[in-house]
Amino acid sequence: KEIQEILNTNHEVIFTSGSSESNNYALKGICGKTEKSEIITTNLEHSSINETLKYLEKNFKIKYCPLKNGIVDLEELEKLITDKTALITITAVNSETGMLNQVDEIGKISKKHNIPFHCDMTQSIGKVDVPLENIDLISISSHKFYGPKGIGLLLKKENINLEKLIY
């Protein structure tokens, strides 16, 4: 409850070992519960997203959204969406370029098309004020905002069902 208050959200809080585990759980969790076959992302995601997408490529078509001035081109993002789109996964802030994506707008687009939106907010949480209500799954690492290393969070909206990561 305290974490929800600090982050001003009502997302369910799932504790993990860090953002990499949170990213893996979000992507594999969604993909394990869908009949759809496409994922939309960018070329500037963290390696924990990229490596998970490489794994998922066996069963999913990965579509890369073009960037405009270093951030997601929202018009192009919407053009990539089809009835086969299972997930949109786009980072809030790129750790190398520092570019801030319009994650609230991306969330509104995903909501309009009824597609879950995952956002790795590791580099932005506690630094950039981003509304969370239009983001379904949020990955965070506590050491990025003065918490201990080795603790991560996956914030999940109540209506999102994930395949178990561990049986």
N, C-alpha and C. Protein backbone atom coordinates (compact mmCIF):
# COMPACT_ATOMS: atom_id res chain seq x y z
N LYS A 1 0.82 -1.20 0.00
CA LYS A 1 0.00 0.00 0.00
C LYS A 1 0.87 1.26 0.00
N GLU A 2 1.97 1.23 0.74
CA GLU A 2 2.84 2.41 0.82
C GLU A 2 3.45 2.73 -0.54
N ILE A 3 3.86 1.69 -1.27
CA ILE A 3 4.45 1.91 -2.59
C ILE A 3 3.41 2.52 -3.53
N GLN A 4 2.19 2.04 -3.46
CA GLN A 4 1.13 2.60 -4.29
C GLN A 4 0.92 4.08 -3.96
N GLU A 5 0.99 4.42 -2.70
CA GLU A 5 0.83 5.82 -2.28
C GLU A 5 2.00 6.67 -2.78
N ILE A 6 3.23 6.16 -2.61
CA ILE A 6 4.41 6.90 -3.05
C ILE A 6 4.35 7.17 -4.55
N LEU A 7 3.93 6.14 -5.32
CA LEU A 7 3.89 6.27 -6.78
C LEU A 7 2.57 6.83 -7.28
N ASN A 8 1.65 7.08 -6.35
CA ASN A 8 0.33 7.63 -6.71
C ASN A 8 -0.37 6.76 -7.76
N THR A 9 -0.51 5.47 -7.45
CA THR A 9 -1.12 4.55 -8.39
C THR A 9 -1.93 3.49 -7.64
N ASN A 10 -2.84 2.86 -8.35
CA ASN A 10 -3.56 1.73 -7.77
C ASN A 10 -3.18 0.42 -8.48
N HIS A 11 -2.10 0.44 -9.28
CA HIS A 11 -1.58 -0.78 -9.88
C HIS A 11 -1.22 -1.79 -8.78
N GLU A 12 -1.41 -3.07 -9.09
CA GLU A 12 -0.93 -4.12 -8.19
C GLU A 12 0.60 -4.07 -8.20
N VAL A 13 1.22 -4.30 -7.05
CA VAL A 13 2.67 -4.26 -6.93
C VAL A 13 3.20 -5.70 -6.82
N ILE A 14 4.05 -6.08 -7.77
CA ILE A 14 4.69 -7.39 -7.75
C ILE A 14 6.19 -7.15 -7.55
N PHE A 15 6.75 -7.72 -6.49
CA PHE A 15 8.17 -7.55 -6.22
C PHE A 15 8.98 -8.53 -7.06
N THR A 16 10.10 -8.04 -7.61
CA THR A 16 11.00 -8.85 -8.42
C THR A 16 12.43 -8.54 -7.97
N SER A 17 13.39 -9.14 -8.64
CA SER A 17 14.80 -8.90 -8.31
C SER A 17 15.37 -7.68 -9.03
N GLY A 18 14.59 -7.07 -9.91
CA GLY A 18 15.05 -5.89 -10.64
C GLY A 18 14.25 -5.69 -11.90
N SER A 19 14.58 -4.65 -12.64
CA SER A 19 13.85 -4.32 -13.87
C SER A 19 13.94 -5.41 -14.93
N SER A 20 15.08 -6.08 -15.01
CA SER A 20 15.21 -7.14 -16.02
C SER A 20 14.19 -8.25 -15.80
N GLU A 21 14.05 -8.66 -14.54
CA GLU A 21 13.04 -9.68 -14.24
C GLU A 21 11.63 -9.14 -14.48
N SER A 22 11.39 -7.90 -14.11
CA SER A 22 10.08 -7.29 -14.33
C SER A 22 9.76 -7.23 -15.82
N ASN A 23 10.74 -6.84 -16.62
CA ASN A 23 10.54 -6.79 -18.08
C ASN A 23 10.23 -8.17 -18.64
N ASN A 24 11.00 -9.16 -18.22
CA ASN A 24 10.77 -10.53 -18.68
C ASN A 24 9.39 -11.02 -18.29
N TYR A 25 9.01 -10.78 -17.04
CA TYR A 25 7.71 -11.24 -16.56
C TYR A 25 6.58 -10.56 -17.33
N ALA A 26 6.69 -9.27 -17.57
CA ALA A 26 5.64 -8.55 -18.29
C ALA A 26 5.46 -9.11 -19.70
N LEU A 27 6.56 -9.23 -20.43
CA LEU A 27 6.47 -9.68 -21.83
C LEU A 27 6.06 -11.14 -21.94
N LYS A 28 6.75 -12.01 -21.22
CA LYS A 28 6.40 -13.43 -21.28
C LYS A 28 5.02 -13.68 -20.68
N GLY A 29 4.69 -12.93 -19.65
CA GLY A 29 3.40 -13.10 -18.99
C GLY A 29 2.23 -12.78 -19.90
N ILE A 30 2.32 -11.68 -20.63
CA ILE A 30 1.27 -11.30 -21.59
C ILE A 30 1.23 -12.30 -22.74
N CYS A 31 2.39 -12.61 -23.29
CA CYS A 31 2.46 -13.48 -24.47
C CYS A 31 2.01 -14.90 -24.17
N GLY A 32 2.13 -15.33 -22.93
CA GLY A 32 1.67 -16.65 -22.54
C GLY A 32 0.17 -16.77 -22.39
N LYS A 33 -0.53 -15.63 -22.43
CA LYS A 33 -1.98 -15.62 -22.23
C LYS A 33 -2.75 -15.13 -23.46
N THR A 34 -2.11 -15.08 -24.62
CA THR A 34 -2.79 -14.51 -25.79
C THR A 34 -2.75 -15.45 -26.98
N GLU A 35 -3.72 -15.29 -27.86
CA GLU A 35 -3.75 -16.00 -29.14
C GLU A 35 -3.20 -15.11 -30.24
N LYS A 36 -2.94 -13.83 -29.92
CA LYS A 36 -2.44 -12.88 -30.91
C LYS A 36 -0.97 -13.15 -31.17
N SER A 37 -0.42 -12.54 -32.23
CA SER A 37 0.91 -12.96 -32.68
C SER A 37 1.90 -11.83 -33.00
N GLU A 38 1.60 -10.60 -32.59
CA GLU A 38 2.50 -9.49 -32.91
C GLU A 38 2.80 -8.65 -31.66
N ILE A 39 4.02 -8.13 -31.62
CA ILE A 39 4.45 -7.23 -30.55
C ILE A 39 5.05 -5.99 -31.21
N ILE A 40 4.70 -4.83 -30.69
CA ILE A 40 5.27 -3.58 -31.20
C ILE A 40 6.24 -3.02 -30.16
N THR A 41 7.41 -2.59 -30.64
CA THR A 41 8.46 -2.04 -29.78
C THR A 41 9.26 -1.02 -30.58
N THR A 42 10.45 -0.65 -30.08
CA THR A 42 11.35 0.23 -30.82
C THR A 42 12.73 -0.41 -30.88
N ASN A 43 13.62 0.22 -31.61
CA ASN A 43 15.02 -0.25 -31.69
C ASN A 43 15.87 0.26 -30.53
N LEU A 44 15.29 1.03 -29.63
CA LEU A 44 16.06 1.64 -28.54
C LEU A 44 15.69 1.10 -27.16
N GLU A 45 15.27 -0.15 -27.09
CA GLU A 45 14.88 -0.71 -25.80
C GLU A 45 16.10 -1.26 -25.05
N HIS A 46 15.95 -1.45 -23.76
CA HIS A 46 16.99 -2.03 -22.92
C HIS A 46 17.24 -3.47 -23.34
N SER A 47 18.43 -3.97 -23.10
CA SER A 47 18.78 -5.33 -23.52
C SER A 47 17.87 -6.38 -22.91
N SER A 48 17.32 -6.14 -21.72
CA SER A 48 16.42 -7.13 -21.12
C SER A 48 15.11 -7.23 -21.91
N ILE A 49 14.72 -6.16 -22.58
CA ILE A 49 13.56 -6.21 -23.48
C ILE A 49 13.98 -6.89 -24.78
N ASN A 50 15.09 -6.43 -25.35
CA ASN A 50 15.54 -6.99 -26.64
C ASN A 50 15.78 -8.49 -26.58
N GLU A 51 16.42 -8.96 -25.53
CA GLU A 51 16.71 -10.38 -25.42
C GLU A 51 15.43 -11.20 -25.22
N THR A 52 14.50 -10.66 -24.47
CA THR A 52 13.22 -11.35 -24.29
C THR A 52 12.45 -11.40 -25.60
N LEU A 53 12.50 -10.32 -26.37
CA LEU A 53 11.83 -10.30 -27.68
C LEU A 53 12.48 -11.30 -28.63
N LYS A 54 13.81 -11.45 -28.55
CA LYS A 54 14.48 -12.46 -29.38
C LYS A 54 13.94 -13.85 -29.06
N TYR A 55 13.75 -14.12 -27.78
CA TYR A 55 13.19 -15.39 -27.35
C TYR A 55 11.75 -15.55 -27.87
N LEU A 56 10.96 -14.49 -27.78
CA LEU A 56 9.55 -14.55 -28.19
C LEU A 56 9.38 -14.58 -29.70
N GLU A 57 10.44 -14.22 -30.43
CA GLU A 57 10.39 -14.20 -31.90
C GLU A 57 10.05 -15.56 -32.51
N LYS A 58 10.22 -16.63 -31.74
CA LYS A 58 9.87 -17.96 -32.23
C LYS A 58 8.38 -18.05 -32.55
N ASN A 59 7.57 -17.33 -31.78
CA ASN A 59 6.11 -17.41 -31.93
C ASN A 59 5.43 -16.08 -32.22
N PHE A 60 6.18 -14.99 -32.19
CA PHE A 60 5.60 -13.67 -32.39
C PHE A 60 6.38 -12.88 -33.43
N LYS A 61 5.65 -12.11 -34.20
CA LYS A 61 6.27 -11.17 -35.13
C LYS A 61 6.55 -9.89 -34.35
N ILE A 62 7.80 -9.45 -34.37
CA ILE A 62 8.19 -8.23 -33.66
C ILE A 62 8.21 -7.09 -34.67
N LYS A 63 7.43 -6.04 -34.39
CA LYS A 63 7.37 -4.87 -35.27
C LYS A 63 8.06 -3.70 -34.55
N TYR A 64 8.90 -2.99 -35.30
CA TYR A 64 9.65 -1.88 -34.73
C TYR A 64 9.07 -0.56 -35.21
N CYS A 65 8.65 0.24 -34.25
CA CYS A 65 8.05 1.54 -34.56
C CYS A 65 9.16 2.54 -34.91
N PRO A 66 8.99 3.26 -36.01
CA PRO A 66 9.97 4.30 -36.36
C PRO A 66 9.99 5.42 -35.32
N LEU A 67 11.14 6.05 -35.21
CA LEU A 67 11.29 7.18 -34.31
C LEU A 67 11.32 8.47 -35.11
N LYS A 68 10.88 9.53 -34.49
CA LYS A 68 10.92 10.86 -35.11
C LYS A 68 11.58 11.78 -34.10
N ASN A 69 12.74 12.32 -34.47
CA ASN A 69 13.53 13.14 -33.55
C ASN A 69 13.87 12.39 -32.26
N GLY A 70 14.12 11.09 -32.38
CA GLY A 70 14.56 10.29 -31.24
C GLY A 70 13.48 9.69 -30.38
N ILE A 71 12.22 10.00 -30.66
CA ILE A 71 11.13 9.43 -29.87
C ILE A 71 10.12 8.74 -30.80
N VAL A 72 9.24 7.95 -30.20
CA VAL A 72 8.26 7.19 -30.97
C VAL A 72 7.39 8.13 -31.80
N ASP A 73 7.26 7.79 -33.08
CA ASP A 73 6.36 8.51 -33.98
C ASP A 73 4.96 7.95 -33.74
N LEU A 74 4.11 8.72 -33.08
CA LEU A 74 2.79 8.24 -32.68
C LEU A 74 1.90 7.84 -33.86
N GLU A 75 2.00 8.57 -34.96
CA GLU A 75 1.22 8.22 -36.16
C GLU A 75 1.65 6.88 -36.71
N GLU A 76 2.96 6.66 -36.76
CA GLU A 76 3.49 5.39 -37.26
C GLU A 76 3.15 4.24 -36.31
N LEU A 77 3.17 4.51 -35.02
CA LEU A 77 2.79 3.50 -34.04
C LEU A 77 1.37 3.02 -34.32
N GLU A 78 0.48 3.94 -34.50
CA GLU A 78 -0.93 3.56 -34.73
C GLU A 78 -1.09 2.78 -36.03
N LYS A 79 -0.28 3.09 -37.04
CA LYS A 79 -0.34 2.36 -38.30
C LYS A 79 0.11 0.91 -38.16
N LEU A 80 1.00 0.64 -37.20
CA LEU A 80 1.52 -0.71 -36.99
C LEU A 80 0.51 -1.64 -36.31
N ILE A 81 -0.46 -1.08 -35.65
CA ILE A 81 -1.42 -1.87 -34.88
C ILE A 81 -2.38 -2.61 -35.81
N THR A 82 -2.54 -3.91 -35.52
CA THR A 82 -3.50 -4.74 -36.25
C THR A 82 -4.31 -5.53 -35.23
N ASP A 83 -5.23 -6.33 -35.74
CA ASP A 83 -6.01 -7.18 -34.83
C ASP A 83 -5.17 -8.32 -34.26
N LYS A 84 -3.92 -8.45 -34.72
CA LYS A 84 -3.01 -9.48 -34.21
C LYS A 84 -2.05 -8.94 -33.15
N THR A 85 -2.12 -7.64 -32.86
CA THR A 85 -1.19 -7.03 -31.91
C THR A 85 -1.53 -7.47 -30.49
N ALA A 86 -0.58 -8.14 -29.85
CA ALA A 86 -0.77 -8.66 -28.49
C ALA A 86 -0.27 -7.69 -27.43
N LEU A 87 0.73 -6.86 -27.78
CA LEU A 87 1.40 -6.05 -26.78
C LEU A 87 2.17 -4.92 -27.44
N ILE A 88 2.20 -3.78 -26.76
CA ILE A 88 3.11 -2.68 -27.10
C ILE A 88 4.06 -2.55 -25.92
N THR A 89 5.37 -2.58 -26.18
CA THR A 89 6.36 -2.40 -25.12
C THR A 89 7.36 -1.34 -25.55
N ILE A 90 7.33 -0.22 -24.85
CA ILE A 90 8.18 0.93 -25.20
C ILE A 90 8.67 1.57 -23.90
N THR A 91 9.95 1.88 -23.85
CA THR A 91 10.54 2.50 -22.67
C THR A 91 10.11 3.96 -22.53
N ALA A 92 10.11 4.44 -21.31
CA ALA A 92 9.77 5.85 -21.07
C ALA A 92 10.93 6.75 -21.46
N VAL A 93 12.13 6.44 -20.95
CA VAL A 93 13.32 7.25 -21.23
C VAL A 93 14.43 6.31 -21.70
N ASN A 94 15.04 6.66 -22.81
CA ASN A 94 16.15 5.87 -23.29
C ASN A 94 17.38 6.18 -22.44
N SER A 95 18.02 5.13 -21.91
CA SER A 95 19.15 5.33 -21.00
C SER A 95 20.39 5.89 -21.68
N GLU A 96 20.49 5.76 -22.99
CA GLU A 96 21.67 6.28 -23.69
C GLU A 96 21.45 7.67 -24.26
N THR A 97 20.26 7.92 -24.81
CA THR A 97 20.01 9.22 -25.44
C THR A 97 19.34 10.21 -24.51
N GLY A 98 18.65 9.70 -23.49
CA GLY A 98 17.91 10.58 -22.58
C GLY A 98 16.59 11.06 -23.14
N MET A 99 16.22 10.57 -24.32
CA MET A 99 14.97 11.03 -24.94
C MET A 99 13.77 10.45 -24.19
N LEU A 100 12.77 11.30 -23.96
CA LEU A 100 11.57 10.94 -23.21
C LEU A 100 10.42 10.69 -24.19
N ASN A 101 9.92 9.45 -24.21
CA ASN A 101 8.77 9.13 -25.05
C ASN A 101 7.49 9.66 -24.43
N GLN A 102 6.51 9.87 -25.26
CA GLN A 102 5.20 10.36 -24.83
C GLN A 102 4.36 9.17 -24.36
N VAL A 103 4.74 8.60 -23.21
CA VAL A 103 4.14 7.34 -22.78
C VAL A 103 2.65 7.47 -22.45
N ASP A 104 2.22 8.62 -22.00
CA ASP A 104 0.79 8.79 -21.75
C ASP A 104 0.02 8.71 -23.07
N GLU A 105 0.55 9.33 -24.12
CA GLU A 105 -0.10 9.27 -25.43
C GLU A 105 -0.06 7.86 -26.02
N ILE A 106 1.07 7.16 -25.82
CA ILE A 106 1.18 5.78 -26.28
C ILE A 106 0.14 4.93 -25.55
N GLY A 107 -0.01 5.17 -24.25
CA GLY A 107 -1.00 4.46 -23.46
C GLY A 107 -2.41 4.71 -23.94
N LYS A 108 -2.71 5.94 -24.32
CA LYS A 108 -4.05 6.26 -24.84
C LYS A 108 -4.30 5.53 -26.16
N ILE A 109 -3.28 5.45 -27.00
CA ILE A 109 -3.42 4.72 -28.27
C ILE A 109 -3.65 3.24 -27.99
N SER A 110 -2.89 2.67 -27.07
CA SER A 110 -3.05 1.24 -26.76
C SER A 110 -4.44 0.97 -26.18
N LYS A 111 -4.90 1.86 -25.32
CA LYS A 111 -6.22 1.71 -24.70
C LYS A 111 -7.32 1.79 -25.77
N LYS A 112 -7.16 2.71 -26.72
CA LYS A 112 -8.14 2.86 -27.80
C LYS A 112 -8.29 1.57 -28.60
N HIS A 113 -7.19 0.84 -28.75
CA HIS A 113 -7.19 -0.40 -29.53
C HIS A 113 -7.27 -1.66 -28.65
N ASN A 114 -7.44 -1.46 -27.35
CA ASN A 114 -7.56 -2.56 -26.39
C ASN A 114 -6.34 -3.49 -26.42
N ILE A 115 -5.16 -2.89 -26.41
CA ILE A 115 -3.89 -3.63 -26.43
C ILE A 115 -3.12 -3.28 -25.16
N PRO A 116 -2.63 -4.28 -24.43
CA PRO A 116 -1.83 -3.97 -23.25
C PRO A 116 -0.56 -3.19 -23.61
N PHE A 117 -0.23 -2.23 -22.76
CA PHE A 117 0.96 -1.41 -22.95
C PHE A 117 1.89 -1.62 -21.76
N HIS A 118 3.10 -2.09 -22.05
CA HIS A 118 4.15 -2.24 -21.05
C HIS A 118 5.17 -1.13 -21.25
N CYS A 119 5.59 -0.54 -20.14
CA CYS A 119 6.58 0.53 -20.20
C CYS A 119 7.67 0.28 -19.17
N ASP A 120 8.91 0.21 -19.63
CA ASP A 120 10.06 0.14 -18.74
C ASP A 120 10.34 1.58 -18.30
N MET A 121 10.03 1.86 -17.04
CA MET A 121 10.19 3.22 -16.50
C MET A 121 11.40 3.32 -15.57
N THR A 122 12.33 2.40 -15.70
CA THR A 122 13.49 2.36 -14.82
C THR A 122 14.25 3.68 -14.80
N GLN A 123 14.45 4.28 -15.95
CA GLN A 123 15.25 5.50 -16.03
C GLN A 123 14.45 6.77 -15.70
N SER A 124 13.13 6.66 -15.62
CA SER A 124 12.34 7.87 -15.43
C SER A 124 11.66 7.98 -14.07
N ILE A 125 11.43 6.85 -13.41
CA ILE A 125 10.65 6.88 -12.18
C ILE A 125 11.35 7.74 -11.12
N GLY A 126 10.61 8.64 -10.54
CA GLY A 126 11.15 9.54 -9.53
C GLY A 126 11.90 10.73 -10.09
N LYS A 127 12.07 10.77 -11.41
CA LYS A 127 12.80 11.87 -12.04
C LYS A 127 11.91 12.70 -12.96
N VAL A 128 10.97 12.01 -13.61
CA VAL A 128 10.09 12.66 -14.57
C VAL A 128 8.66 12.36 -14.15
N ASP A 129 7.83 13.38 -14.11
CA ASP A 129 6.44 13.18 -13.73
C ASP A 129 5.65 12.67 -14.93
N VAL A 130 5.33 11.39 -14.89
CA VAL A 130 4.59 10.75 -15.98
C VAL A 130 3.33 10.14 -15.39
N PRO A 131 2.16 10.48 -15.93
CA PRO A 131 0.93 9.83 -15.44
C PRO A 131 0.97 8.33 -15.74
N LEU A 132 0.54 7.51 -14.78
CA LEU A 132 0.62 6.07 -14.93
C LEU A 132 -0.70 5.41 -15.33
N GLU A 133 -1.79 6.15 -15.32
CA GLU A 133 -3.11 5.53 -15.51
C GLU A 133 -3.32 4.87 -16.87
N ASN A 134 -2.60 5.28 -17.90
CA ASN A 134 -2.78 4.69 -19.23
C ASN A 134 -1.73 3.62 -19.55
N ILE A 135 -0.96 3.23 -18.55
CA ILE A 135 0.07 2.21 -18.73
C ILE A 135 -0.37 0.97 -17.95
N ASP A 136 -0.42 -0.18 -18.62
CA ASP A 136 -0.92 -1.41 -18.00
C ASP A 136 0.11 -2.13 -17.16
N LEU A 137 1.37 -2.13 -17.62
CA LEU A 137 2.46 -2.82 -16.94
C LEU A 137 3.67 -1.90 -16.88
N ILE A 138 4.25 -1.75 -15.70
CA ILE A 138 5.36 -0.81 -15.52
C ILE A 138 6.50 -1.53 -14.80
N SER A 139 7.68 -1.49 -15.39
CA SER A 139 8.87 -2.08 -14.78
C SER A 139 9.71 -0.99 -14.13
N ILE A 140 10.17 -1.29 -12.90
CA ILE A 140 10.93 -0.32 -12.12
C ILE A 140 12.02 -1.06 -11.34
N SER A 141 13.14 -0.40 -11.13
CA SER A 141 14.19 -0.91 -10.25
C SER A 141 14.36 0.09 -9.11
N SER A 142 14.31 -0.39 -7.88
CA SER A 142 14.28 0.53 -6.74
C SER A 142 15.56 1.36 -6.58
N HIS A 143 16.70 0.83 -7.00
CA HIS A 143 17.94 1.59 -6.79
C HIS A 143 18.00 2.86 -7.64
N LYS A 144 17.11 2.99 -8.61
CA LYS A 144 17.09 4.20 -9.44
C LYS A 144 16.40 5.35 -8.72
N PHE A 145 15.69 5.04 -7.62
CA PHE A 145 15.10 6.14 -6.85
C PHE A 145 15.33 5.93 -5.34
N TYR A 146 16.63 5.72 -5.03
CA TYR A 146 17.14 5.69 -3.66
C TYR A 146 16.73 4.47 -2.85
N GLY A 147 16.27 3.41 -3.52
CA GLY A 147 15.99 2.16 -2.83
C GLY A 147 17.19 1.24 -2.92
N PRO A 148 17.10 0.07 -2.29
CA PRO A 148 18.23 -0.87 -2.34
C PRO A 148 18.36 -1.55 -3.69
N LYS A 149 19.57 -1.97 -4.03
CA LYS A 149 19.80 -2.75 -5.25
C LYS A 149 19.22 -4.15 -5.05
N GLY A 150 18.85 -4.77 -6.16
CA GLY A 150 18.33 -6.14 -6.09
C GLY A 150 16.85 -6.22 -5.82
N ILE A 151 16.17 -5.09 -5.88
CA ILE A 151 14.71 -5.09 -5.71
C ILE A 151 14.09 -4.34 -6.88
N GLY A 152 13.17 -5.00 -7.53
CA GLY A 152 12.45 -4.39 -8.63
C GLY A 152 10.97 -4.51 -8.39
N LEU A 153 10.23 -3.84 -9.24
CA LEU A 153 8.78 -3.89 -9.16
C LEU A 153 8.21 -4.07 -10.56
N LEU A 154 7.16 -4.83 -10.63
CA LEU A 154 6.31 -4.84 -11.81
C LEU A 154 4.97 -4.36 -11.33
N LEU A 155 4.56 -3.21 -11.83
CA LEU A 155 3.24 -2.69 -11.51
C LEU A 155 2.28 -3.18 -12.58
N LYS A 156 1.14 -3.72 -12.14
CA LYS A 156 0.21 -4.36 -13.07
C LYS A 156 -1.20 -3.89 -12.76
N LYS A 157 -1.90 -3.49 -13.82
CA LYS A 157 -3.30 -3.15 -13.65
C LYS A 157 -4.09 -4.42 -13.35
N GLU A 158 -5.15 -4.27 -12.60
CA GLU A 158 -5.96 -5.40 -12.15
C GLU A 158 -6.53 -6.24 -13.29
N ASN A 159 -6.88 -5.60 -14.40
CA ASN A 159 -7.51 -6.32 -15.52
C ASN A 159 -6.51 -7.05 -16.41
N ILE A 160 -5.23 -6.96 -16.12
CA ILE A 160 -4.20 -7.62 -16.92
C ILE A 160 -3.89 -8.98 -16.32
N ASN A 161 -4.00 -10.02 -17.14
CA ASN A 161 -3.68 -11.38 -16.71
C ASN A 161 -2.35 -11.80 -17.29
N LEU A 162 -1.48 -12.31 -16.43
CA LEU A 162 -0.16 -12.76 -16.86
C LEU A 162 -0.01 -14.26 -16.64
N GLU A 163 0.64 -14.91 -17.58
CA GLU A 163 1.03 -16.30 -17.40
C GLU A 163 2.06 -16.33 -16.28
N LYS A 164 1.99 -17.34 -15.44
CA LYS A 164 2.96 -17.47 -14.36
C LYS A 164 4.37 -17.58 -14.93
N LEU A 165 5.30 -16.98 -14.24
CA LEU A 165 6.71 -17.08 -14.64
C LEU A 165 7.34 -18.33 -14.03
N ILE A 166 6.88 -18.68 -12.84
CA ILE A 166 7.42 -19.83 -12.13
C ILE A 166 6.27 -20.74 -11.71
N TYR A 167 6.44 -22.04 -11.97
CA TYR A 167 5.44 -23.03 -11.56
C TYR A 167 6.00 -23.87 -10.44
